[in-house]
Protein backbone atom coordinates (compact mmCIF):
# COMPACT_ATOMS: atom_id res chain seq x y z
CA UNK A 1 60.85 -72.66 67.06
CA UNK A 2 59.27 -73.29 63.75
CA UNK A 3 56.38 -75.79 63.73
CA UNK A 4 57.25 -79.02 61.97
CA UNK A 5 54.92 -80.31 59.16
CA UNK A 6 54.24 -83.49 60.82
CA UNK A 7 52.94 -81.99 64.09
CA UNK A 8 49.12 -82.25 64.51
CA UNK A 9 47.24 -79.43 65.90
CA UNK A 10 44.30 -81.73 66.75
CA UNK A 11 43.89 -85.42 67.02
CA UNK A 12 40.28 -86.22 68.06
CA UNK A 13 39.87 -88.95 70.76
CA UNK A 14 39.42 -92.49 69.39
CA UNK A 15 40.69 -91.60 66.14
CA UNK A 16 43.90 -92.93 64.23
CA UNK A 17 46.62 -91.25 62.35
CA UNK A 18 48.70 -93.44 59.93
CA UNK A 19 52.36 -92.77 59.56
CA UNK A 20 55.12 -93.80 57.11
CA UNK A 21 57.80 -96.01 58.70
CA UNK A 22 59.87 -96.18 55.62
CA UNK A 23 60.19 -97.77 52.27
CA UNK A 24 62.46 -100.34 50.20
CA UNK A 25 65.20 -98.77 48.14
CA UNK A 26 65.49 -100.00 44.58
CA UNK A 27 69.07 -101.20 44.09
CA UNK A 28 69.63 -99.19 40.96
CA UNK A 29 69.08 -96.02 43.29
CA UNK A 30 71.54 -97.04 45.95
CA UNK A 31 74.30 -95.01 44.35
CA UNK A 32 72.50 -91.76 45.35
CA UNK A 33 72.74 -92.80 49.02
CA UNK A 34 75.44 -91.54 51.40
CA UNK A 35 76.78 -94.91 52.74
CA UNK A 36 80.47 -93.95 53.56
CA UNK A 37 80.00 -94.06 57.28
CA UNK A 38 77.29 -96.73 57.54
CA UNK A 39 79.47 -99.69 57.70
CA UNK A 40 76.70 -102.06 57.77
CA UNK A 41 76.23 -101.47 54.14
CA UNK A 42 79.77 -102.02 53.11
CA UNK A 43 79.34 -105.64 52.23
CA UNK A 44 75.88 -105.67 50.62
CA UNK A 45 75.59 -106.64 47.05
CA UNK A 46 74.85 -103.82 44.63
CA UNK A 47 71.68 -105.94 43.57
CA UNK A 48 70.13 -105.98 46.98
CA UNK A 49 67.53 -103.59 48.09
CA UNK A 50 67.93 -101.58 51.45
CA UNK A 51 65.12 -100.45 53.92
CA UNK A 52 65.04 -96.57 54.34
CA UNK A 53 63.46 -95.20 57.60
CA UNK A 54 61.59 -92.04 56.90
CA UNK A 55 62.99 -89.50 59.57
CA UNK A 56 62.40 -85.84 59.97
CA UNK A 57 66.19 -85.34 59.74
CA UNK A 58 68.24 -87.05 57.10
CA UNK A 59 71.52 -88.23 58.60
CA UNK A 60 74.44 -87.51 56.41
CA UNK A 61 75.98 -90.75 57.57
CA UNK A 62 73.26 -92.82 55.98
CA UNK A 63 72.08 -94.68 59.14
CA UNK A 64 68.52 -94.47 58.20
CA UNK A 65 69.32 -97.07 55.63
CA UNK A 66 69.61 -100.62 56.80
CA UNK A 67 70.67 -103.95 55.11
CA UNK A 68 68.46 -106.77 54.72
CA UNK A 69 67.84 -108.73 57.89
CA UNK A 70 65.47 -109.39 60.73
CA UNK A 71 64.86 -106.34 63.16
CA UNK A 72 62.84 -105.47 66.24
CA UNK A 73 62.23 -101.95 67.34
CA UNK A 74 59.88 -100.21 69.78
CA UNK A 75 57.81 -97.06 68.94
CA UNK A 76 56.52 -94.99 71.80
CA UNK A 77 53.86 -92.33 70.99
CA UNK A 78 52.48 -89.87 73.57
CA UNK A 79 51.06 -86.58 73.90
CA UNK A 80 50.65 -83.73 76.24
CA UNK A 81 47.01 -84.81 77.48
CA UNK A 82 47.49 -88.73 77.35
CA UNK A 83 49.93 -91.27 78.63
CA UNK A 84 52.53 -92.88 76.22
CA UNK A 85 51.76 -96.04 74.50
CA UNK A 86 54.42 -98.45 72.91
CA UNK A 87 54.35 -101.05 70.29
CA UNK A 88 56.91 -103.47 69.24
CA UNK A 89 57.55 -103.85 65.47
CA UNK A 90 59.22 -106.61 63.87
CA UNK A 91 60.59 -105.96 60.31
CA UNK A 92 61.76 -108.85 58.29
CA UNK A 93 63.10 -108.30 54.61
CA UNK A 94 65.37 -110.36 52.36
CA UNK A 95 66.71 -107.61 50.15
CA UNK A 96 65.38 -108.72 46.80
CA UNK A 97 63.73 -106.26 44.63
CA UNK A 98 60.47 -106.57 42.57
CA UNK A 99 59.09 -103.80 40.51
CA UNK A 100 55.57 -105.12 41.22
CA UNK A 101 54.65 -103.63 44.48
CA UNK A 102 52.11 -106.32 45.34
CA UNK A 103 54.56 -109.08 44.93
CA UNK A 104 57.20 -107.07 46.80
CA UNK A 105 54.88 -106.70 49.77
CA UNK A 106 53.77 -110.39 49.59
CA UNK A 107 57.27 -111.93 49.29
CA UNK A 108 59.99 -109.61 50.20
CA UNK A 109 58.92 -107.73 53.29
CA UNK A 110 56.90 -108.45 56.43
CA UNK A 111 56.04 -106.29 59.39
CA UNK A 112 54.43 -107.66 62.60
CA UNK A 113 53.15 -105.16 65.12
CA UNK A 114 52.69 -106.27 68.67
């Protein structure tokens, strides 16, 4: 099986790796998304942003794009030589778009990690 680009050959003890959970999608680019089977996007205004989860596989049904709202999900990370560790992430976003990234991060989206 070919090696995926996000696999790490070495991760030294007591070091960190950051990862990209996802990003907001500018409403003017929503037309490029495949939404036909993601029913949760049918009633979202064309002026609202979506959240796009970065996934290795890009599902053709668009289920890695979610509408504004409040979400809770759990991430579990483990390795061959260490036990799995989990964190709960709370994602809150209103769906408003702002071209100024700093304002977008201050006012429109919030992540809480426990």
